[in-house]
Amino acid sequence: MKPWPRNPDVPAQSFDISLELIDLAIAVGVATGLEIFGVDVLLGAQGPKIVDVNVFPGFGGIDEAYSAVVHHVLERLVV
């Protein structure tokens, strides 16, 4: 999670992902047909709002992400 407006002196923070955000991300995947993507969301008083969908996002700070992406791609290779 990153504060907005972005302040380079304030690092991103880990947070627990709510079921609402999981459902929102799944809906983005269904709507776009994407299997690997990132979703930028603003959290506000009126609930989460999608502001960007990244077709292939950076996964900096998420140690398991790169091996999960490789595993996902290898599962879908036609040999």
Protein backbone atom coordinates (compact mmCIF):
# COMPACT_ATOMS: atom_id res chain seq x y z
CA MET A 1 0.00 0.00 0.00
CA LYS A 2 1.36 3.41 -0.97
CA PRO A 3 0.14 6.77 0.30
CA TRP A 4 -1.35 9.25 -2.14
CA PRO A 5 -0.21 11.73 -3.19
CA ARG A 6 2.97 9.70 -3.58
CA ASN A 7 5.77 10.66 -1.24
CA PRO A 8 9.13 9.01 -2.03
CA ASP A 9 10.13 9.41 1.62
CA VAL A 10 7.28 7.14 2.75
CA PRO A 11 7.83 3.46 1.84
CA ALA A 12 5.06 1.14 0.68
CA GLN A 13 3.50 -0.97 3.41
CA SER A 14 2.25 -4.55 3.48
CA PHE A 15 -1.43 -5.03 4.27
CA ASP A 16 -4.01 -7.78 4.50
CA ILE A 17 -6.08 -8.06 1.34
CA SER A 18 -9.81 -7.99 2.00
CA LEU A 19 -12.31 -10.30 0.31
CA GLU A 20 -13.73 -7.20 -1.38
CA LEU A 21 -10.38 -6.50 -3.07
CA ILE A 22 -9.96 -10.16 -4.05
CA ASP A 23 -13.43 -10.16 -5.63
CA LEU A 24 -12.62 -6.91 -7.43
CA ALA A 25 -9.37 -8.35 -8.84
CA ILE A 26 -11.14 -11.53 -9.96
CA ALA A 27 -13.78 -9.42 -11.71
CA VAL A 28 -11.02 -7.52 -13.55
CA GLY A 29 -9.51 -10.83 -14.73
CA VAL A 30 -12.88 -12.09 -15.93
CA ALA A 31 -13.70 -8.81 -17.69
CA THR A 32 -10.32 -8.54 -19.42
CA GLY A 33 -9.43 -12.19 -19.94
CA LEU A 34 -6.08 -11.55 -18.27
CA GLU A 35 -4.47 -14.18 -16.04
CA ILE A 36 -1.46 -12.17 -14.88
CA PHE A 37 -2.08 -8.51 -14.14
CA GLY A 38 -1.94 -5.86 -11.47
CA VAL A 39 -4.70 -3.59 -10.31
CA ASP A 40 -4.10 -0.15 -8.81
CA VAL A 41 -6.89 0.70 -6.41
CA LEU A 42 -7.68 3.80 -4.41
CA LEU A 43 -9.28 3.08 -1.06
CA GLY A 44 -11.73 5.73 0.06
CA ALA A 45 -14.86 6.33 2.08
CA GLN A 46 -17.04 5.14 -0.83
CA GLY A 47 -15.11 1.89 -1.22
CA PRO A 48 -12.29 0.79 -3.52
CA LYS A 49 -12.01 2.34 -6.99
CA ILE A 50 -9.89 0.84 -9.78
CA VAL A 51 -7.62 3.47 -11.32
CA ASP A 52 -5.33 1.30 -13.46
CA VAL A 53 -4.94 -2.25 -14.74
CA ASN A 54 -1.36 -3.28 -15.48
CA VAL A 55 -1.02 -5.99 -18.14
CA PHE A 56 2.30 -7.14 -16.69
CA PRO A 57 3.10 -5.34 -13.47
CA GLY A 58 6.28 -5.18 -11.49
CA PHE A 59 6.23 -7.42 -8.45
CA GLY A 60 8.86 -5.61 -6.38
CA GLY A 61 8.72 -6.49 -2.73
CA ILE A 62 6.67 -9.67 -3.27
CA ASP A 63 9.18 -12.47 -2.86
CA GLU A 64 6.94 -15.29 -4.12
CA ALA A 65 5.63 -13.42 -7.18
CA TYR A 66 8.32 -14.30 -9.72
CA SER A 67 8.23 -18.03 -9.02
CA ALA A 68 4.40 -17.94 -9.10
CA VAL A 69 4.45 -16.23 -12.53
CA VAL A 70 6.95 -18.76 -13.90
CA HIS A 71 4.88 -21.65 -12.52
CA HIS A 72 1.71 -20.19 -14.06
CA VAL A 73 3.32 -19.76 -17.49
CA LEU A 74 4.90 -23.23 -17.45
CA GLU A 75 1.51 -24.80 -16.65
CA ARG A 76 0.07 -23.23 -19.79
CA LEU A 77 2.86 -24.14 -22.22
CA VAL A 78 1.87 -26.52 -24.95
CA VAL A 79 4.63 -29.06 -25.41
